[in-house]
């Protein structure tokens, strides 16, 4: 059995309008399968490749530091960091 490291989420801001989270993906780590209850924006803190698995199969996601992307709530997915380096993202959930 292999031990795949899990990402860690640290909540930085929580109020009635937004939730802002610091996401730390260790090298070769993943999130586990989950679903967001709110629309959200991701802000990559470095250039990286992540792999997003969903019911549509795996998809490469090429991140550029500071170039945000938006996702709608409800899609069940697992995100993996295939890199040999850690990746940090800021996630802003819109309530």
Protein backbone atom coordinates (compact mmCIF):
# COMPACT_ATOMS: atom_id res chain seq x y z
CA UNK A 1 0.00 0.00 0.00
CA UNK A 2 1.37 3.42 -0.93
CA UNK A 3 1.03 6.54 1.16
CA UNK A 4 -0.06 9.37 -1.11
CA UNK A 5 0.22 12.70 0.71
CA UNK A 6 -2.93 14.77 1.10
CA UNK A 7 -3.20 18.48 0.53
CA UNK A 8 -3.90 20.77 3.48
CA UNK A 9 -6.44 23.57 3.59
CA UNK A 10 -5.97 26.49 5.96
CA UNK A 11 -8.92 28.87 6.21
CA UNK A 12 -7.74 32.50 6.22
CA UNK A 13 -11.02 34.44 5.97
CA UNK A 14 -14.55 33.26 6.73
CA UNK A 15 -17.59 35.51 6.68
CA UNK A 16 -21.11 35.58 5.25
CA UNK A 17 -19.88 36.50 1.73
CA UNK A 18 -16.62 34.58 1.10
CA UNK A 19 -14.34 31.86 2.36
CA UNK A 20 -10.64 32.31 1.54
CA UNK A 21 -8.41 29.25 1.86
CA UNK A 22 -4.68 28.58 1.53
CA UNK A 23 -4.25 25.22 -0.26
CA UNK A 24 -0.92 23.41 0.10
CA UNK A 25 -0.34 20.52 -2.31
CA UNK A 26 2.76 18.51 -1.42
CA UNK A 27 4.66 16.96 -4.33
CA UNK A 28 2.70 13.92 -5.61
CA UNK A 29 -0.19 14.84 -3.25
CA UNK A 30 -3.91 14.98 -3.93
CA UNK A 31 -7.15 16.35 -2.48
CA UNK A 32 -9.31 13.22 -2.40
CA UNK A 33 -12.69 13.31 -4.16
CA UNK A 34 -14.86 16.26 -3.13
CA UNK A 35 -17.53 18.66 -4.33
CA UNK A 36 -17.71 22.43 -3.75
CA UNK A 37 -20.96 23.84 -2.39
CA UNK A 38 -20.12 27.32 -3.73
CA UNK A 39 -18.67 28.81 -6.93
CA UNK A 40 -14.98 29.58 -6.45
CA UNK A 41 -11.87 31.25 -7.86
CA UNK A 42 -8.37 29.74 -7.70
CA UNK A 43 -5.25 31.92 -7.59
CA UNK A 44 -2.06 29.90 -8.34
CA UNK A 45 1.01 31.05 -6.43
CA UNK A 46 3.42 29.40 -8.91
CA UNK A 47 3.52 27.89 -12.38
CA UNK A 48 2.56 24.23 -12.22
CA UNK A 49 0.67 21.36 -13.77
CA UNK A 50 -2.17 19.78 -11.81
CA UNK A 51 -4.38 16.89 -12.87
CA UNK A 52 -8.12 17.26 -12.27
CA UNK A 53 -10.10 14.04 -12.28
CA UNK A 54 -13.87 14.18 -12.68
CA UNK A 55 -16.59 11.95 -14.09
CA UNK A 56 -15.31 13.10 -17.51
CA UNK A 57 -11.87 11.57 -16.79
CA UNK A 58 -8.51 13.20 -15.99
CA UNK A 59 -7.63 16.61 -17.41
CA UNK A 60 -4.30 18.45 -17.27
CA UNK A 61 -4.63 21.93 -15.80
CA UNK A 62 -1.68 24.22 -16.59
CA UNK A 63 -1.40 26.96 -13.99
CA UNK A 64 0.41 30.27 -14.35
CA UNK A 65 1.33 32.18 -11.22
CA UNK A 66 -1.21 34.91 -10.56
CA UNK A 67 -3.54 33.89 -13.45
CA UNK A 68 -6.85 33.10 -11.75
CA UNK A 69 -9.50 30.67 -12.91
CA UNK A 70 -13.17 30.26 -12.00
CA UNK A 71 -15.15 27.07 -11.37
CA UNK A 72 -18.83 26.56 -10.68
CA UNK A 73 -20.06 24.59 -7.70
CA UNK A 74 -21.20 21.01 -7.86
CA UNK A 75 -18.58 19.13 -9.90
CA UNK A 76 -17.17 16.18 -7.97
CA UNK A 77 -13.41 15.98 -8.52
CA UNK A 78 -9.99 14.98 -7.21
CA UNK A 79 -6.93 17.16 -7.87
CA UNK A 80 -3.41 15.68 -7.99
CA UNK A 81 -0.03 17.43 -7.96
CA UNK A 82 2.16 15.21 -10.21
CA UNK A 83 5.16 17.53 -9.80
CA UNK A 84 8.32 16.93 -7.79
CA UNK A 85 7.66 20.22 -6.00
CA UNK A 86 4.98 21.59 -3.69
CA UNK A 87 2.21 23.80 -5.09
CA UNK A 88 0.32 26.55 -3.24
CA UNK A 89 -3.05 27.92 -4.34
CA UNK A 90 -5.43 30.49 -2.86
CA UNK A 91 -9.08 29.49 -3.13
CA UNK A 92 -11.87 32.07 -2.83
CA UNK A 93 -15.32 30.56 -2.41
CA UNK A 94 -18.21 32.91 -3.21
CA UNK A 95 -21.18 32.47 -0.93
